[in-house]
N, C-alpha and C. Protein backbone atom coordinates (compact mmCIF):
# COMPACT_ATOMS: atom_id res chain seq x y z
N MET A 1 -0.11 7.35 -53.06
CA MET A 1 0.87 8.37 -53.32
C MET A 1 1.72 8.64 -52.07
N LYS A 2 1.13 8.69 -50.91
CA LYS A 2 1.87 8.95 -49.68
C LYS A 2 2.76 7.77 -49.31
N LYS A 3 2.41 6.56 -49.73
CA LYS A 3 3.23 5.39 -49.44
C LYS A 3 4.62 5.56 -50.06
N ARG A 4 4.66 6.17 -51.22
CA ARG A 4 5.93 6.39 -51.91
C ARG A 4 6.85 7.27 -51.07
N TYR A 5 6.32 8.28 -50.43
CA TYR A 5 7.13 9.17 -49.60
C TYR A 5 7.58 8.48 -48.32
N ILE A 6 6.72 7.67 -47.75
CA ILE A 6 7.10 6.92 -46.55
C ILE A 6 8.20 5.91 -46.87
N VAL A 7 8.07 5.24 -47.99
CA VAL A 7 9.10 4.28 -48.41
C VAL A 7 10.43 5.00 -48.65
N LEU A 8 10.37 6.15 -49.29
CA LEU A 8 11.59 6.93 -49.52
C LEU A 8 12.22 7.37 -48.20
N CYS A 9 11.40 7.75 -47.25
CA CYS A 9 11.88 8.14 -45.93
C CYS A 9 12.56 6.97 -45.23
N VAL A 10 11.97 5.81 -45.29
CA VAL A 10 12.55 4.62 -44.64
C VAL A 10 13.86 4.22 -45.33
N VAL A 11 13.90 4.33 -46.65
CA VAL A 11 15.13 3.99 -47.38
C VAL A 11 16.23 4.98 -47.02
N GLN A 12 15.89 6.27 -46.94
CA GLN A 12 16.87 7.27 -46.53
C GLN A 12 17.44 6.94 -45.16
N LEU A 13 16.57 6.67 -44.24
CA LEU A 13 17.00 6.37 -42.87
C LEU A 13 17.84 5.10 -42.81
N ALA A 14 17.43 4.08 -43.52
CA ALA A 14 18.18 2.82 -43.51
C ALA A 14 19.58 2.99 -44.11
N LEU A 15 19.68 3.74 -45.20
CA LEU A 15 20.98 3.93 -45.83
C LEU A 15 21.93 4.72 -44.94
N ILE A 16 21.45 5.76 -44.29
CA ILE A 16 22.35 6.57 -43.48
C ILE A 16 22.75 5.84 -42.20
N VAL A 17 21.85 5.08 -41.62
CA VAL A 17 22.20 4.30 -40.42
C VAL A 17 23.19 3.20 -40.78
N PHE A 18 22.96 2.51 -41.87
CA PHE A 18 23.87 1.45 -42.30
C PHE A 18 25.25 2.02 -42.64
N SER A 19 25.27 3.19 -43.30
CA SER A 19 26.54 3.83 -43.64
C SER A 19 27.31 4.22 -42.39
N GLY A 20 26.64 4.81 -41.42
CA GLY A 20 27.30 5.19 -40.17
C GLY A 20 27.80 3.99 -39.39
N TRP A 21 27.01 2.94 -39.37
CA TRP A 21 27.40 1.72 -38.66
C TRP A 21 28.62 1.09 -39.30
N LEU A 22 28.64 1.05 -40.64
CA LEU A 22 29.80 0.51 -41.34
C LEU A 22 31.03 1.38 -41.14
N ARG A 23 30.83 2.69 -41.16
CA ARG A 23 31.97 3.59 -40.98
C ARG A 23 32.56 3.46 -39.58
N ARG A 24 31.71 3.30 -38.59
CA ARG A 24 32.19 3.13 -37.22
C ARG A 24 33.04 1.86 -37.11
N GLY A 25 32.60 0.79 -37.72
CA GLY A 25 33.35 -0.46 -37.67
C GLY A 25 34.62 -0.44 -38.49
N ALA A 26 34.72 0.48 -39.44
CA ALA A 26 35.85 0.49 -40.35
C ALA A 26 36.92 1.52 -39.99
N TRP A 27 36.77 2.23 -38.88
CA TRP A 27 37.77 3.24 -38.53
C TRP A 27 39.16 2.63 -38.35
N ARG A 28 39.23 1.44 -37.83
CA ARG A 28 40.53 0.80 -37.64
C ARG A 28 41.17 0.40 -38.96
N GLU A 29 40.36 0.24 -39.98
CA GLU A 29 40.86 -0.23 -41.27
C GLU A 29 41.24 0.91 -42.21
N ILE A 30 40.93 2.16 -41.84
CA ILE A 30 41.21 3.29 -42.73
C ILE A 30 42.69 3.58 -42.70
N ASP A 31 43.28 3.63 -43.89
CA ASP A 31 44.70 3.92 -44.04
C ASP A 31 44.83 5.31 -44.64
N PHE A 32 45.36 6.25 -43.87
CA PHE A 32 45.47 7.62 -44.34
C PHE A 32 46.72 7.88 -45.18
N ASP A 33 47.48 6.85 -45.44
CA ASP A 33 48.70 7.00 -46.24
C ASP A 33 48.44 6.84 -47.73
N GLY A 34 47.22 6.77 -48.14
CA GLY A 34 46.91 6.68 -49.57
C GLY A 34 46.74 5.27 -50.08
N GLY A 35 46.64 4.32 -49.18
CA GLY A 35 46.45 2.94 -49.60
C GLY A 35 45.02 2.70 -50.09
N THR A 36 44.73 1.48 -50.44
CA THR A 36 43.39 1.15 -50.90
C THR A 36 42.43 1.12 -49.71
N LEU A 37 41.20 1.47 -49.98
CA LEU A 37 40.17 1.47 -48.95
C LEU A 37 39.64 0.06 -48.74
N SER A 38 39.30 -0.24 -47.51
CA SER A 38 38.77 -1.56 -47.20
C SER A 38 37.35 -1.70 -47.75
N GLN A 39 36.87 -2.91 -47.76
CA GLN A 39 35.52 -3.20 -48.27
C GLN A 39 34.45 -2.49 -47.46
N GLY A 40 34.61 -2.43 -46.13
CA GLY A 40 33.64 -1.76 -45.28
C GLY A 40 33.56 -0.27 -45.54
N VAL A 41 34.70 0.36 -45.77
CA VAL A 41 34.74 1.80 -46.06
C VAL A 41 34.10 2.07 -47.41
N GLN A 42 34.39 1.24 -48.39
CA GLN A 42 33.79 1.42 -49.71
C GLN A 42 32.28 1.25 -49.66
N LEU A 43 31.80 0.24 -48.93
CA LEU A 43 30.36 0.01 -48.81
C LEU A 43 29.70 1.17 -48.08
N SER A 44 30.37 1.70 -47.07
CA SER A 44 29.85 2.86 -46.35
C SER A 44 29.73 4.07 -47.27
N PHE A 45 30.72 4.27 -48.12
CA PHE A 45 30.68 5.36 -49.07
C PHE A 45 29.52 5.18 -50.06
N TYR A 46 29.31 3.97 -50.53
CA TYR A 46 28.22 3.72 -51.47
C TYR A 46 26.85 3.94 -50.81
N CYS A 47 26.73 3.57 -49.53
CA CYS A 47 25.48 3.84 -48.81
C CYS A 47 25.25 5.34 -48.67
N LEU A 48 26.32 6.08 -48.39
CA LEU A 48 26.20 7.53 -48.27
C LEU A 48 25.83 8.14 -49.62
N ALA A 49 26.41 7.65 -50.70
CA ALA A 49 26.07 8.13 -52.04
C ALA A 49 24.62 7.79 -52.38
N GLY A 50 24.16 6.60 -51.97
CA GLY A 50 22.76 6.23 -52.18
C GLY A 50 21.82 7.13 -51.40
N TRP A 51 22.24 7.52 -50.19
CA TRP A 51 21.45 8.44 -49.38
C TRP A 51 21.31 9.79 -50.08
N LEU A 52 22.41 10.28 -50.66
CA LEU A 52 22.35 11.53 -51.42
C LEU A 52 21.46 11.38 -52.66
N ALA A 53 21.47 10.21 -53.26
CA ALA A 53 20.60 9.97 -54.41
C ALA A 53 19.12 9.99 -54.00
N THR A 54 18.81 9.49 -52.79
CA THR A 54 17.41 9.53 -52.35
C THR A 54 16.96 10.97 -52.10
N ILE A 55 17.88 11.84 -51.71
CA ILE A 55 17.53 13.25 -51.56
C ILE A 55 17.24 13.85 -52.93
N ALA A 56 18.03 13.48 -53.93
CA ALA A 56 17.77 13.96 -55.29
C ALA A 56 16.43 13.43 -55.80
N ILE A 57 16.10 12.20 -55.46
CA ILE A 57 14.79 11.64 -55.86
C ILE A 57 13.67 12.40 -55.17
N ALA A 58 13.86 12.78 -53.90
CA ALA A 58 12.84 13.57 -53.20
C ALA A 58 12.66 14.93 -53.84
N VAL A 59 13.74 15.54 -54.30
CA VAL A 59 13.61 16.82 -55.02
C VAL A 59 12.82 16.62 -56.30
N TRP A 60 13.09 15.53 -56.99
CA TRP A 60 12.35 15.25 -58.23
C TRP A 60 10.87 15.03 -57.93
N PHE A 61 10.57 14.29 -56.85
CA PHE A 61 9.18 14.10 -56.43
C PHE A 61 8.51 15.43 -56.14
N SER A 62 9.23 16.35 -55.50
CA SER A 62 8.63 17.64 -55.17
C SER A 62 8.37 18.47 -56.42
N LEU A 63 9.19 18.31 -57.43
CA LEU A 63 8.94 19.03 -58.68
C LEU A 63 7.72 18.47 -59.41
N ARG A 64 7.46 17.20 -59.27
CA ARG A 64 6.35 16.57 -59.96
C ARG A 64 5.02 16.71 -59.21
N ASP A 65 5.04 16.71 -57.90
CA ASP A 65 3.83 16.72 -57.08
C ASP A 65 3.60 18.12 -56.51
N LYS A 66 2.80 18.90 -57.20
CA LYS A 66 2.59 20.29 -56.80
C LYS A 66 1.75 20.41 -55.54
N ILE A 67 0.89 19.47 -55.29
CA ILE A 67 0.01 19.55 -54.12
C ILE A 67 0.80 19.35 -52.83
N ASN A 68 1.69 18.38 -52.80
CA ASN A 68 2.46 18.05 -51.60
C ASN A 68 3.88 18.60 -51.62
N ARG A 69 4.15 19.58 -52.46
CA ARG A 69 5.51 20.07 -52.65
C ARG A 69 6.14 20.58 -51.35
N SER A 70 5.43 21.38 -50.60
CA SER A 70 6.02 21.95 -49.39
C SER A 70 6.31 20.86 -48.36
N MET A 71 5.43 19.86 -48.24
CA MET A 71 5.67 18.77 -47.31
C MET A 71 6.91 17.96 -47.70
N ILE A 72 7.04 17.68 -48.98
CA ILE A 72 8.17 16.89 -49.46
C ILE A 72 9.48 17.63 -49.24
N VAL A 73 9.50 18.91 -49.59
CA VAL A 73 10.74 19.68 -49.44
C VAL A 73 11.09 19.82 -47.97
N LEU A 74 10.10 20.11 -47.14
CA LEU A 74 10.37 20.31 -45.73
C LEU A 74 10.88 19.03 -45.06
N PHE A 75 10.22 17.93 -45.28
CA PHE A 75 10.57 16.70 -44.57
C PHE A 75 11.64 15.87 -45.27
N LEU A 76 11.48 15.60 -46.56
CA LEU A 76 12.38 14.67 -47.23
C LEU A 76 13.65 15.31 -47.79
N VAL A 77 13.66 16.65 -47.89
CA VAL A 77 14.84 17.32 -48.44
C VAL A 77 15.59 18.12 -47.38
N LEU A 78 14.87 18.75 -46.46
CA LEU A 78 15.53 19.60 -45.47
C LEU A 78 15.63 19.00 -44.08
N LEU A 79 14.50 18.71 -43.47
CA LEU A 79 14.46 18.35 -42.06
C LEU A 79 15.03 16.96 -41.80
N LEU A 80 14.47 15.95 -42.42
CA LEU A 80 14.91 14.58 -42.17
C LEU A 80 16.36 14.33 -42.54
N PRO A 81 16.83 14.78 -43.73
CA PRO A 81 18.25 14.57 -44.03
C PRO A 81 19.20 15.29 -43.07
N SER A 82 18.79 16.43 -42.54
CA SER A 82 19.64 17.12 -41.56
C SER A 82 19.77 16.30 -40.29
N ILE A 83 18.67 15.77 -39.82
CA ILE A 83 18.69 14.92 -38.63
C ILE A 83 19.47 13.64 -38.91
N GLU A 84 19.27 13.07 -40.09
CA GLU A 84 19.98 11.85 -40.44
C GLU A 84 21.48 12.08 -40.55
N LEU A 85 21.89 13.24 -41.09
CA LEU A 85 23.32 13.52 -41.22
C LEU A 85 23.95 13.68 -39.84
N LEU A 86 23.26 14.33 -38.93
CA LEU A 86 23.78 14.45 -37.56
C LEU A 86 23.89 13.08 -36.90
N SER A 87 22.89 12.23 -37.14
CA SER A 87 22.97 10.88 -36.56
C SER A 87 24.09 10.09 -37.21
N TRP A 88 24.37 10.33 -38.49
CA TRP A 88 25.48 9.66 -39.16
C TRP A 88 26.80 10.03 -38.49
N PHE A 89 26.97 11.32 -38.15
CA PHE A 89 28.20 11.74 -37.46
C PHE A 89 28.31 11.05 -36.11
N PHE A 90 27.19 10.96 -35.38
CA PHE A 90 27.24 10.31 -34.07
C PHE A 90 27.52 8.81 -34.20
N LEU A 91 26.96 8.19 -35.24
CA LEU A 91 27.20 6.76 -35.42
C LEU A 91 28.61 6.48 -35.94
N SER A 92 29.18 7.42 -36.69
CA SER A 92 30.49 7.20 -37.29
C SER A 92 31.63 7.27 -36.30
N PHE A 93 31.47 8.08 -35.27
CA PHE A 93 32.61 8.31 -34.36
C PHE A 93 32.42 7.64 -33.06
């Protein structure tokens, strides 16, 4: 049961790091005049959306697992995503 949470944590971390790395590389390609987005920017957005989906999955896990609910909410929904989002900002710029 705990392996599932560790895997979810690793997937969250991998998605946000990959998204930030792609976003950093794609800053030169971003066109603010309303043009089409480059492939790197689109992939970065999809990674960020996947990261948000993993947070929703963690919320669902916390609703199902009453014994570990506080641990799941604290680490996989609040603490870790906050740290990951800050790291995403640092990686993006």
